[in-house]
Amino acid sequence: MVDGGVLILFGDPVPDALGEVSVVHRPDGPPAAALAAGDVLELDGRELVLTEVGDLAAANLAELGHIVLYAPEACGERLLPGAVKVEGAITLPRPEARLRLLRPGTTQEERH
């Protein structure tokens, strides 16, 4: 899926059916803020700019640690409710890589 521009993130514990196709992560807690277009997702030191956020993506991330990232070329005309369209190279992160949501206009210390 990553080669096709799609990356599925799921918080631990992950349902068995999704474990094989998801990047499983262990959130430190709920996101400090809801996802919004313009935010930056830092994944394994690479920055992905959120360009469009589906209606359910913020709730799914907060409740399940689950979002689906789409590169522009992998996204159809209509974004799915739990999906996020991003700019930047979507690649498979290393094990134990950090995942952070960065809000534009904040200092490094303020970023969550």
PDB file of N, CA and C in Angstrom:
ATOM      1  N   MET A   1       0.808  -1.190   0.000  1.00  0.00           N
ATOM      2  CA  MET A   1       0.000   0.000   0.000  1.00  0.00           C
ATOM      3  C   MET A   1       0.855   1.259   0.000  1.00  0.00           C
ATOM      4  N   VAL A   2       1.976   1.222   0.713  1.00  0.00           N
ATOM      5  CA  VAL A   2       2.837   2.396   0.772  1.00  0.00           C
ATOM      6  C   VAL A   2       3.331   2.760  -0.620  1.00  0.00           C
ATOM      7  N   ASP A   3       3.684   1.758  -1.413  1.00  0.00           N
ATOM      8  CA  ASP A   3       4.142   2.026  -2.779  1.00  0.00           C
ATOM      9  C   ASP A   3       3.065   2.709  -3.607  1.00  0.00           C
ATOM     10  N   GLY A   4       1.816   2.504  -3.253  1.00  0.00           N
ATOM     11  CA  GLY A   4       0.707   3.135  -3.950  1.00  0.00           C
ATOM     12  C   GLY A   4       0.314   4.476  -3.358  1.00  0.00           C
ATOM     13  N   GLY A   5       1.088   4.974  -2.382  1.00  0.00           N
ATOM     14  CA  GLY A   5       0.814   6.274  -1.795  1.00  0.00           C
ATOM     15  C   GLY A   5      -0.198   6.263  -0.672  1.00  0.00           C
ATOM     16  N   VAL A   6      -0.349   5.114   0.007  1.00  0.00           N
ATOM     17  CA  VAL A   6      -1.312   5.001   1.108  1.00  0.00           C
ATOM     18  C   VAL A   6      -0.597   4.400   2.323  1.00  0.00           C
ATOM     19  N   LEU A   7      -0.805   5.002   3.496  1.00  0.00           N
ATOM     20  CA  LEU A   7      -0.234   4.487   4.732  1.00  0.00           C
ATOM     21  C   LEU A   7      -1.326   4.480   5.798  1.00  0.00           C
ATOM     22  N   ILE A   8      -1.569   3.309   6.377  1.00  0.00           N
ATOM     23  CA  ILE A   8      -2.577   3.154   7.427  1.00  0.00           C
ATOM     24  C   ILE A   8      -1.867   3.149   8.776  1.00  0.00           C
ATOM     25  N   LEU A   9      -2.292   4.038   9.666  1.00  0.00           N
ATOM     26  CA  LEU A   9      -1.763   4.088  11.027  1.00  0.00           C
ATOM     27  C   LEU A   9      -2.854   3.619  11.977  1.00  0.00           C
ATOM     28  N   PHE A  10      -2.470   2.791  12.947  1.00  0.00           N
ATOM     29  CA  PHE A  10      -3.439   2.305  13.926  1.00  0.00           C
ATOM     30  C   PHE A  10      -2.756   2.219  15.277  1.00  0.00           C
ATOM     31  N   GLY A  11      -3.427   2.722  16.306  1.00  0.00           N
ATOM     32  CA  GLY A  11      -2.897   2.641  17.661  1.00  0.00           C
ATOM     33  C   GLY A  11      -2.995   1.228  18.204  1.00  0.00           C
ATOM     34  N   ASP A  12      -2.045   0.885  19.069  1.00  0.00           N
ATOM     35  CA  ASP A  12      -2.031  -0.421  19.716  1.00  0.00           C
ATOM     36  C   ASP A  12      -3.068  -0.412  20.834  1.00  0.00           C
ATOM     37  N   PRO A  13      -3.934  -1.384  20.960  1.00  0.00           N
ATOM     38  CA  PRO A  13      -4.018  -2.623  20.190  1.00  0.00           C
ATOM     39  C   PRO A  13      -4.749  -2.406  18.869  1.00  0.00           C
ATOM     40  N   VAL A  14      -4.334  -3.169  17.887  1.00  0.00           N
ATOM     41  CA  VAL A  14      -4.914  -3.074  16.549  1.00  0.00           C
ATOM     42  C   VAL A  14      -5.754  -4.320  16.279  1.00  0.00           C
ATOM     43  N   PRO A  15      -6.903  -4.171  15.630  1.00  0.00           N
ATOM     44  CA  PRO A  15      -7.690  -5.359  15.270  1.00  0.00           C
ATOM     45  C   PRO A  15      -6.871  -6.308  14.390  1.00  0.00           C
ATOM     46  N   ASP A  16      -7.041  -7.599  14.605  1.00  0.00           N
ATOM     47  CA  ASP A  16      -6.273  -8.601  13.858  1.00  0.00           C
ATOM     48  C   ASP A  16      -6.337  -8.395  12.356  1.00  0.00           C
ATOM     49  N   ALA A  17      -7.493  -8.068  11.848  1.00  0.00           N
ATOM     50  CA  ALA A  17      -7.665  -7.922  10.400  1.00  0.00           C
ATOM     51  C   ALA A  17      -6.846  -6.770   9.830  1.00  0.00           C
ATOM     52  N   LEU A  18      -6.479  -5.793  10.664  1.00  0.00           N
ATOM     53  CA  LEU A  18      -5.741  -4.631  10.171  1.00  0.00           C
ATOM     54  C   LEU A  18      -4.263  -4.649  10.531  1.00  0.00           C
ATOM     55  N   GLY A  19      -3.859  -5.545  11.411  1.00  0.00           N
ATOM     56  CA  GLY A  19      -2.475  -5.599  11.855  1.00  0.00           C
ATOM     57  C   GLY A  19      -1.475  -5.821  10.743  1.00  0.00           C
ATOM     58  N   GLU A  20      -1.840  -6.612   9.762  1.00  0.00           N
ATOM     59  CA  GLU A  20      -0.926  -6.942   8.656  1.00  0.00           C
ATOM     60  C   GLU A  20      -0.713  -5.782   7.690  1.00  0.00           C
ATOM     61  N   VAL A  21      -1.660  -4.859   7.625  1.00  0.00           N
ATOM     62  CA  VAL A  21      -1.567  -3.784   6.632  1.00  0.00           C
ATOM     63  C   VAL A  21      -1.388  -2.407   7.275  1.00  0.00           C
ATOM     64  N   SER A  22      -1.222  -2.364   8.595  1.00  0.00           N
ATOM     65  CA  SER A  22      -1.122  -1.087   9.299  1.00  0.00           C
ATOM     66  C   SER A  22       0.247  -0.900   9.927  1.00  0.00           C
ATOM     67  N   VAL A  23       0.615   0.366  10.096  1.00  0.00           N
ATOM     68  CA  VAL A  23       1.740   0.720  10.945  1.00  0.00           C
ATOM     69  C   VAL A  23       1.141   0.909  12.331  1.00  0.00           C
ATOM     70  N   VAL A  24       1.544   0.061  13.261  1.00  0.00           N
ATOM     71  CA  VAL A  24       0.993   0.092  14.612  1.00  0.00           C
ATOM     72  C   VAL A  24       1.864   1.007  15.470  1.00  0.00           C
ATOM     73  N   HIS A  25       1.213   1.927  16.183  1.00  0.00           N
ATOM     74  CA  HIS A  25       1.957   2.853  17.038  1.00  0.00           C
ATOM     75  C   HIS A  25       1.344   2.865  18.431  1.00  0.00           C
ATOM     76  N   ARG A  26       2.111   3.392  19.373  1.00  0.00           N
ATOM     77  CA  ARG A  26       1.671   3.460  20.770  1.00  0.00           C
ATOM     78  C   ARG A  26       1.592   4.926  21.181  1.00  0.00           C
ATOM     79  N   PRO A  27       0.413   5.517  21.090  1.00  0.00           N
ATOM     80  CA  PRO A  27       0.277   6.933  21.447  1.00  0.00           C
ATOM     81  C   PRO A  27       0.595   7.187  22.920  1.00  0.00           C
ATOM     82  N   ASP A  28       1.227   8.340  23.190  1.00  0.00           N
ATOM     83  CA  ASP A  28       1.487   8.759  24.571  1.00  0.00           C
ATOM     84  C   ASP A  28       0.212   9.245  25.239  1.00  0.00           C
ATOM     85  N   GLY A  29      -0.773   9.589  24.444  1.00  0.00           N
ATOM     86  CA  GLY A  29      -2.037  10.122  24.925  1.00  0.00           C
ATOM     87  C   GLY A  29      -2.803  10.649  23.737  1.00  0.00           C
ATOM     88  N   PRO A  30      -3.957  11.232  23.971  1.00  0.00           N
ATOM     89  CA  PRO A  30      -4.729  11.770  22.851  1.00  0.00           C
ATOM     90  C   PRO A  30      -4.016  12.974  22.242  1.00  0.00           C
ATOM     91  N   PRO A  31      -4.280  13.260  20.977  1.00  0.00           N
ATOM     92  CA  PRO A  31      -3.670  14.437  20.352  1.00  0.00           C
ATOM     93  C   PRO A  31      -4.055  15.703  21.126  1.00  0.00           C
ATOM     94  N   ALA A  32      -3.138  16.662  21.172  1.00  0.00           N
ATOM     95  CA  ALA A  32      -3.388  17.917  21.884  1.00  0.00           C
ATOM     96  C   ALA A  32      -4.431  18.769  21.172  1.00  0.00           C
ATOM     97  N   ALA A  33      -4.578  18.556  19.874  1.00  0.00           N
ATOM     98  CA  ALA A  33      -5.547  19.326  19.080  1.00  0.00           C
ATOM     99  C   ALA A  33      -6.069  18.434  17.966  1.00  0.00           C
ATOM    100  N   ALA A  34      -7.243  18.772  17.457  1.00  0.00           N
ATOM    101  CA  ALA A  34      -7.812  18.020  16.333  1.00  0.00           C
ATOM    102  C   ALA A  34      -6.998  18.284  15.074  1.00  0.00           C
ATOM    103  N   LEU A  35      -6.920  17.286  14.214  1.00  0.00           N
ATOM    104  CA  LEU A  35      -6.230  17.448  12.934  1.00  0.00           C
ATOM    105  C   LEU A  35      -6.886  18.548  12.119  1.00  0.00           C
ATOM    106  N   ALA A  36      -6.063  19.314  11.404  1.00  0.00           N
ATOM    107  CA  ALA A  36      -6.593  20.363  10.537  1.00  0.00           C
ATOM    108  C   ALA A  36      -5.671  20.526   9.337  1.00  0.00           C
ATOM    109  N   ALA A  37      -6.249  20.909   8.215  1.00  0.00           N
ATOM    110  CA  ALA A  37      -5.434  21.194   7.035  1.00  0.00           C
ATOM    111  C   ALA A  37      -4.401  22.253   7.409  1.00  0.00           C
ATOM    112  N   GLY A  38      -3.183  22.047   6.947  1.00  0.00           N
ATOM    113  CA  GLY A  38      -2.083  22.947   7.268  1.00  0.00           C
ATOM    114  C   GLY A  38      -1.190  22.419   8.369  1.00  0.00           C
ATOM    115  N   ASP A  39      -1.697  21.489   9.189  1.00  0.00           N
ATOM    116  CA  ASP A  39      -0.864  20.861  10.209  1.00  0.00           C
ATOM    117  C   ASP A  39       0.210  20.024   9.524  1.00  0.00           C
ATOM    118  N   VAL A  40       1.228  19.690  10.296  1.00  0.00           N
ATOM    119  CA  VAL A  40       2.319  18.869   9.787  1.00  0.00           C
ATOM    120  C   VAL A  40       2.399  17.613  10.637  1.00  0.00           C
ATOM    121  N   LEU A  41       2.439  16.473   9.985  1.00  0.00           N
ATOM    122  CA  LEU A  41       2.636  15.203  10.662  1.00  0.00           C
ATOM    123  C   LEU A  41       4.095  14.827  10.461  1.00  0.00           C
ATOM    124  N   GLU A  42       4.830  14.764  11.561  1.00  0.00           N
ATOM    125  CA  GLU A  42       6.229  14.374  11.490  1.00  0.00           C
ATOM    126  C   GLU A  42       6.298  12.878  11.766  1.00  0.00           C
ATOM    127  N   LEU A  43       6.755  12.140  10.793  1.00  0.00           N
ATOM    128  CA  LEU A  43       6.811  10.685  10.886  1.00  0.00           C
ATOM    129  C   LEU A  43       8.216  10.234  10.543  1.00  0.00           C
ATOM    130  N   ASP A  44       8.918   9.734  11.554  1.00  0.00           N
ATOM    131  CA  ASP A  44      10.275   9.231  11.351  1.00  0.00           C
ATOM    132  C   ASP A  44      11.193  10.326  10.797  1.00  0.00           C
ATOM    133  N   GLY A  45      10.996  11.554  11.282  1.00  0.00           N
ATOM    134  CA  GLY A  45      11.847  12.665  10.873  1.00  0.00           C
ATOM    135  C   GLY A  45      11.448  13.333   9.569  1.00  0.00           C
ATOM    136  N   ARG A  46      10.444  12.809   8.891  1.00  0.00           N
ATOM    137  CA  ARG A  46       9.969  13.404   7.632  1.00  0.00           C
ATOM    138  C   ARG A  46       8.675  14.151   7.902  1.00  0.00           C
ATOM    139  N   GLU A  47       8.505  15.264   7.231  1.00  0.00           N
ATOM    140  CA  GLU A  47       7.302  16.062   7.437  1.00  0.00           C
ATOM    141  C   GLU A  47       6.311  15.867   6.303  1.00  0.00           C
ATOM    142  N   LEU A  48       5.075  15.587   6.675  1.00  0.00           N
ATOM    143  CA  LEU A  48       3.969  15.468   5.733  1.00  0.00           C
ATOM    144  C   LEU A  48       2.971  16.572   6.071  1.00  0.00           C
ATOM    145  N   VAL A  49       2.669  17.425   5.110  1.00  0.00           N
ATOM    146  CA  VAL A  49       1.727  18.521   5.328  1.00  0.00           C
ATOM    147  C   VAL A  49       0.321  18.017   5.049  1.00  0.00           C
ATOM    148  N   LEU A  50      -0.571  18.197   6.000  1.00  0.00           N
ATOM    149  CA  LEU A  50      -1.968  17.794   5.831  1.00  0.00           C
ATOM    150  C   LEU A  50      -2.661  18.817   4.935  1.00  0.00           C
ATOM    151  N   THR A  51      -3.140  18.372   3.787  1.00  0.00           N
ATOM    152  CA  THR A  51      -3.795  19.293   2.858  1.00  0.00           C
ATOM    153  C   THR A  51      -5.311  19.183   2.899  1.00  0.00           C
ATOM    154  N   GLU A  52      -5.815  18.035   3.324  1.00  0.00           N
ATOM    155  CA  GLU A  52      -7.260  17.836   3.448  1.00  0.00           C
ATOM    156  C   GLU A  52      -7.498  16.778   4.522  1.00  0.00           C
ATOM    157  N   VAL A  53      -8.478  17.019   5.390  1.00  0.00           N
ATOM    158  CA  VAL A  53      -8.755  16.120   6.513  1.00  0.00           C
ATOM    159  C   VAL A  53     -10.212  15.690   6.446  1.00  0.00           C
ATOM    160  N   GLY A  54     -10.442  14.380   6.394  1.00  0.00           N
ATOM    161  CA  GLY A  54     -11.801  13.848   6.368  1.00  0.00           C
ATOM    162  C   GLY A  54     -12.558  14.153   7.654  1.00  0.00           C
ATOM    163  N   ASP A  55     -13.875  14.141   7.568  1.00  0.00           N
ATOM    164  CA  ASP A  55     -14.737  14.513   8.691  1.00  0.00           C
ATOM    165  C   ASP A  55     -14.535  13.658   9.943  1.00  0.00           C
ATOM    166  N   LEU A  56     -14.134  12.403   9.791  1.00  0.00           N
ATOM    167  CA  LEU A  56     -13.974  11.505  10.941  1.00  0.00           C
ATOM    168  C   LEU A  56     -12.521  11.282  11.342  1.00  0.00           C
ATOM    169  N   ALA A  57     -11.582  11.849  10.609  1.00  0.00           N
ATOM    170  CA  ALA A  57     -10.167  11.564  10.840  1.00  0.00           C
ATOM    171  C   ALA A  57      -9.708  11.978  12.239  1.00  0.00           C
ATOM    172  N   ALA A  58     -10.073  13.164  12.692  1.00  0.00           N
ATOM    173  CA  ALA A  58      -9.634  13.630  14.014  1.00  0.00           C
ATOM    174  C   ALA A  58     -10.193  12.740  15.123  1.00  0.00           C
ATOM    175  N   ALA A  59     -11.463  12.378  15.028  1.00  0.00           N
ATOM    176  CA  ALA A  59     -12.076  11.509  16.041  1.00  0.00           C
ATOM    177  C   ALA A  59     -11.453  10.118  16.010  1.00  0.00           C
ATOM    178  N   ASN A  60     -11.212   9.574  14.823  1.00  0.00           N
ATOM    179  CA  ASN A  60     -10.592   8.252  14.708  1.00  0.00           C
ATOM    180  C   ASN A  60      -9.193   8.245  15.314  1.00  0.00           C
ATOM    181  N   LEU A  61      -8.434   9.316  15.071  1.00  0.00           N
ATOM    182  CA  LEU A  61      -7.087   9.396  15.630  1.00  0.00           C
ATOM    183  C   LEU A  61      -7.147   9.472  17.153  1.00  0.00           C
ATOM    184  N   ALA A  62      -8.031  10.297  17.684  1.00  0.00           N
ATOM    185  CA  ALA A  62      -8.138  10.451  19.137  1.00  0.00           C
ATOM    186  C   ALA A  62      -8.613   9.170  19.823  1.00  0.00           C
ATOM    187  N   GLU A  63      -9.579   8.480  19.223  1.00  0.00           N
ATOM    188  CA  GLU A  63     -10.184   7.309  19.860  1.00  0.00           C
ATOM    189  C   GLU A  63      -9.434   6.008  19.593  1.00  0.00           C
ATOM    190  N   LEU A  64      -8.914   5.853  18.384  1.00  0.00           N
ATOM    191  CA  LEU A  64      -8.316   4.578  17.975  1.00  0.00           C
ATOM    192  C   LEU A  64      -6.851   4.678  17.572  1.00  0.00           C
ATOM    193  N   GLY A  65      -6.344   5.900  17.482  1.00  0.00           N
ATOM    194  CA  GLY A  65      -5.001   6.079  16.937  1.00  0.00           C
ATOM    195  C   GLY A  65      -4.969   5.758  15.456  1.00  0.00           C
ATOM    196  N   HIS A  66      -6.119   5.868  14.796  1.00  0.00           N
ATOM    197  CA  HIS A  66      -6.258   5.399  13.412  1.00  0.00           C
ATOM    198  C   HIS A  66      -6.507   6.540  12.434  1.00  0.00           C
ATOM    199  N   ILE A  67      -5.658   6.610  11.421  1.00  0.00           N
ATOM    200  CA  ILE A  67      -5.902   7.464  10.257  1.00  0.00           C
ATOM    201  C   ILE A  67      -5.282   6.781   9.044  1.00  0.00           C
ATOM    202  N   VAL A  68      -5.764   7.158   7.892  1.00  0.00           N
ATOM    203  CA  VAL A  68      -5.201   6.667   6.635  1.00  0.00           C
ATOM    204  C   VAL A  68      -4.661   7.876   5.891  1.00  0.00           C
ATOM    205  N   LEU A  69      -3.363   7.840   5.581  1.00  0.00           N
ATOM    206  CA  LEU A  69      -2.712   8.927   4.862  1.00  0.00           C
ATOM    207  C   LEU A  69      -2.677   8.606   3.379  1.00  0.00           C
ATOM    208  N   TYR A  70      -3.038   9.580   2.566  1.00  0.00           N
ATOM    209  CA  TYR A  70      -3.047   9.418   1.113  1.00  0.00           C
ATOM    210  C   TYR A  70      -2.173  10.478   0.469  1.00  0.00           C
ATOM    211  N   ALA A  71      -1.302  10.053  -0.433  1.00  0.00           N
ATOM    212  CA  ALA A  71      -0.604  10.988  -1.309  1.00  0.00           C
ATOM    213  C   ALA A  71      -1.620  11.484  -2.328  1.00  0.00           C
ATOM    214  N   PRO A  72      -1.425  12.680  -2.890  1.00  0.00           N
ATOM    215  CA  PRO A  72      -2.410  13.215  -3.842  1.00  0.00           C
ATOM    216  C   PRO A  72      -2.738  12.265  -4.993  1.00  0.00           C
ATOM    217  N   GLU A  73      -1.735  11.571  -5.515  1.00  0.00           N
ATOM    218  CA  GLU A  73      -1.974  10.682  -6.657  1.00  0.00           C
ATOM    219  C   GLU A  73      -2.750   9.425  -6.278  1.00  0.00           C
ATOM    220  N   ALA A  74      -2.808   9.094  -4.991  1.00  0.00           N
ATOM    221  CA  ALA A  74      -3.516   7.891  -4.539  1.00  0.00           C
ATOM    222  C   ALA A  74      -4.947   8.184  -4.111  1.00  0.00           C
ATOM    223  N   CYS A  75      -5.273   9.450  -4.000  1.00  0.00           N
ATOM    224  CA  CYS A  75      -6.584   9.847  -3.493  1.00  0.00           C
ATOM    225  C   CYS A  75      -7.530  10.096  -4.658  1.00  0.00           C
ATOM    226  N   GLY A  76      -8.720   9.565  -4.547  1.00  0.00           N
ATOM    227  CA  GLY A  76      -9.726   9.802  -5.572  1.00  0.00           C
ATOM    228  C   GLY A  76     -10.250  11.229  -5.492  1.00  0.00           C
ATOM    229  N   GLU A  77     -11.291  11.489  -6.223  1.00  0.00           N
ATOM    230  CA  GLU A  77     -11.877  12.825  -6.225  1.00  0.00           C
ATOM    231  C   GLU A  77     -12.467  13.189  -4.870  1.00  0.00           C
ATOM    232  N   ARG A  78     -13.030  12.222  -4.191  1.00  0.00           N
ATOM    233  CA  ARG A  78     -13.671  12.483  -2.901  1.00  0.00           C
ATOM    234  C   ARG A  78     -12.871  11.788  -1.797  1.00  0.00           C
ATOM    235  N   LEU A  79     -12.483  12.548  -0.786  1.00  0.00           N
ATOM    236  CA  LEU A  79     -11.728  12.018   0.337  1.00  0.00           C
ATOM    237  C   LEU A  79     -12.661  11.233   1.255  1.00  0.00           C
ATOM    238  N   LEU A  80     -12.237  10.048   1.667  1.00  0.00           N
ATOM    239  CA  LEU A  80     -13.026   9.244   2.601  1.00  0.00           C
ATOM    240  C   LEU A  80     -13.070   9.930   3.968  1.00  0.00           C
ATOM    241  N   PRO A  81     -14.125   9.706   4.755  1.00  0.00           N
ATOM    242  CA  PRO A  81     -14.292  10.419   6.030  1.00  0.00           C
ATOM    243  C   PRO A  81     -13.141  10.248   7.024  1.00  0.00           C
ATOM    244  N   GLY A  82     -12.498   9.087   7.053  1.00  0.00           N
ATOM    245  CA  GLY A  82     -11.412   8.858   8.004  1.00  0.00           C
ATOM    246  C   GLY A  82     -10.030   9.078   7.432  1.00  0.00           C
ATOM    247  N   ALA A  83      -9.956   9.666   6.255  1.00  0.00           N
ATOM    248  CA  ALA A  83      -8.689   9.801   5.545  1.00  0.00           C
ATOM    249  C   ALA A  83      -8.109  11.204   5.662  1.00  0.00           C
ATOM    250  N   VAL A  84      -6.813  11.283   5.374  1.00  0.00           N
ATOM    251  CA  VAL A  84      -6.095  12.550   5.361  1.00  0.00           C
ATOM    252  C   VAL A  84      -5.224  12.576   4.107  1.00  0.00           C
ATOM    253  N   LYS A  85      -5.366  13.632   3.326  1.00  0.00           N
ATOM    254  CA  LYS A  85      -4.512  13.809   2.149  1.00  0.00           C
ATOM    255  C   LYS A  85      -3.297  14.629   2.582  1.00  0.00           C
ATOM    256  N   VAL A  86      -2.108  14.195   2.152  1.00  0.00           N
ATOM    257  CA  VAL A  86      -0.872  14.855   2.571  1.00  0.00           C
ATOM    258  C   VAL A  86       0.008  15.183   1.375  1.00  0.00           C
ATOM    259  N   GLU A  87       0.859  16.178   1.561  1.00  0.00           N
ATOM    260  CA  GLU A  87       1.941  16.473   0.628  1.00  0.00           C
ATOM    261  C   GLU A  87       3.216  15.995   1.286  1.00  0.00           C
ATOM    262  N   GLY A  88       4.059  15.354   0.515  1.00  0.00           N
ATOM    263  CA  GLY A  88       5.303  14.821   1.039  1.00  0.00           C
ATOM    264  C   GLY A  88       5.386  13.345   0.716  1.00  0.00           C
ATOM    265  N   ALA A  89       6.585  12.812   0.819  1.00  0.00           N
ATOM    266  CA  ALA A  89       6.821  11.415   0.472  1.00  0.00           C
ATOM    267  C   ALA A  89       6.310  10.490   1.572  1.00  0.00           C
ATOM    268  N   ILE A  90       5.369   9.635   1.216  1.00  0.00           N
ATOM    269  CA  ILE A  90       4.867   8.634   2.161  1.00  0.00           C
ATOM    270  C   ILE A  90       5.748   7.397   2.031  1.00  0.00           C
ATOM    271  N   THR A  91       6.457   7.098   3.106  1.00  0.00           N
ATOM    272  CA  THR A  91       7.315   5.918   3.139  1.00  0.00           C
ATOM    273  C   THR A  91       7.046   5.166   4.435  1.00  0.00           C
ATOM    274  N   LEU A  92       7.459   3.925   4.464  1.00  0.00           N
ATOM    275  CA  LEU A  92       7.278   3.100   5.655  1.00  0.00           C
ATOM    276  C   LEU A  92       8.267   3.557   6.727  1.00  0.00           C
ATOM    277  N   PRO A  93       7.801   3.907   7.917  1.00  0.00           N
ATOM    278  CA  PRO A  93       8.722   4.345   8.972  1.00  0.00           C
ATOM    279  C   PRO A  93       9.490   3.170   9.567  1.00  0.00           C
ATOM    280  N   ARG A  94      10.615   3.495  10.175  1.00  0.00           N
ATOM    281  CA  ARG A  94      11.406   2.488  10.884  1.00  0.00           C
ATOM    282  C   ARG A  94      10.667   2.062  12.152  1.00  0.00           C
ATOM    283  N   PRO A  95      10.930   0.859  12.653  1.00  0.00           N
ATOM    284  CA  PRO A  95      10.368   0.480  13.954  1.00  0.00           C
ATOM    285  C   PRO A  95      10.825   1.484  15.019  1.00  0.00           C
ATOM    286  N   GLU A  96       9.952   1.807  15.935  1.00  0.00           N
ATOM    287  CA  GLU A  96      10.218   2.749  17.030  1.00  0.00           C
ATOM    288  C   GLU A  96      10.375   4.197  16.564  1.00  0.00           C
ATOM    289  N   ALA A  97       9.987   4.502  15.334  1.00  0.00           N
ATOM    290  CA  ALA A  97      10.046   5.882  14.842  1.00  0.00           C
ATOM    291  C   ALA A  97       9.026   6.739  15.584  1.00  0.00           C
ATOM    292  N   ARG A  98       9.311   8.035  15.698  1.00  0.00           N
ATOM    293  CA  ARG A  98       8.386   8.973  16.358  1.00  0.00           C
ATOM    294  C   ARG A  98       7.355   9.492  15.378  1.00  0.00           C
ATOM    295  N   LEU A  99       6.176   9.705  15.901  1.00  0.00           N
ATOM    296  CA  LEU A  99       5.059  10.287  15.158  1.00  0.00           C
ATOM    297  C   LEU A  99       4.587  11.485  15.975  1.00  0.00           C
ATOM    298  N   ARG A 100       4.624  12.681  15.361  1.00  0.00           N
ATOM    299  CA  ARG A 100       4.194  13.887  16.078  1.00  0.00           C
ATOM    300  C   ARG A 100       3.324  14.738  15.167  1.00  0.00           C
ATOM    301  N   LEU A 101       2.341  15.375  15.768  1.00  0.00           N
ATOM    302  CA  LEU A 101       1.500  16.327  15.055  1.00  0.00           C
ATOM    303  C   LEU A 101       1.997  17.718  15.408  1.00  0.00           C
ATOM    304  N   LEU A 102       2.384  18.472  14.397  1.00  0.00           N
ATOM    305  CA  LEU A 102       2.936  19.808  14.597  1.00  0.00           C
ATOM    306  C   LEU A 102       1.957  20.843  14.075  1.00  0.00           C
ATOM    307  N   ARG A 103       1.712  21.856  14.856  1.00  0.00           N
ATOM    308  CA  ARG A 103       0.807  22.936  14.471  1.00  0.00           C
ATOM    309  C   ARG A 103       1.650  24.096  13.952  1.00  0.00           C
ATOM    310  N   PRO A 104       1.368  24.603  12.752  1.00  0.00           N
ATOM    311  CA  PRO A 104       2.144  25.735  12.224  1.00  0.00           C
ATOM    312  C   PRO A 104       2.080  26.933  13.170  1.00  0.00           C
ATOM    313  N   GLY A 105       3.184  27.652  13.234  1.00  0.00           N
ATOM    314  CA  GLY A 105       3.218  28.854  14.053  1.00  0.00           C
ATOM    315  C   GLY A 105       3.553  28.615  15.506  1.00  0.00           C
ATOM    316  N   THR A 106       3.871  27.386  15.882  1.00  0.00           N
ATOM    317  CA  THR A 106       4.263  27.108  17.261  1.00  0.00           C
ATOM    318  C   THR A 106       5.763  26.908  17.316  1.00  0.00           C
ATOM    319  N   THR A 107       6.329  27.126  18.484  1.00  0.00           N
ATOM    320  CA  THR A 107       7.749  26.862  18.656  1.00  0.00           C
ATOM    321  C   THR A 107       7.944  25.369  18.849  1.00  0.00           C
ATOM    322  N   GLN A 108       9.169  24.917  18.748  1.00  0.00           N
ATOM    323  CA  GLN A 108       9.463  23.486  18.901  1.00  0.00           C
ATOM    324  C   GLN A 108       8.943  22.966  20.238  1.00  0.00           C
ATOM    325  N   GLU A 109       9.073  23.774  21.311  1.00  0.00           N
ATOM    326  CA  GLU A 109       8.638  23.327  22.630  1.00  0.00           C
ATOM    327  C   GLU A 109       7.123  23.183  22.720  1.00  0.00           C
ATOM    328  N   GLU A 110       6.393  23.949  21.913  1.00  0.00           N
ATOM    329  CA  GLU A 110       4.936  23.919  21.969  1.00  0.00           C
ATOM    330  C   GLU A 110       4.332  22.813  21.116  1.00  0.00           C
ATOM    331  N   ARG A 111       5.126  22.211  20.275  1.00  0.00           N
ATOM    332  CA  ARG A 111       4.604  21.203  19.357  1.00  0.00           C
ATOM    333  C   ARG A 111       4.315  19.913  20.098  1.00  0.00           C
ATOM    334  N   HIS A 112       3.236  19.234  19.691  1.00  0.00           N
ATOM    335  CA  HIS A 112       2.824  17.984  20.351  1.00  0.00           C
ATOM    336  C   HIS A 112       2.893  16.844  19.373  1.00  0.00           C
TER     337      HIS A 112
END
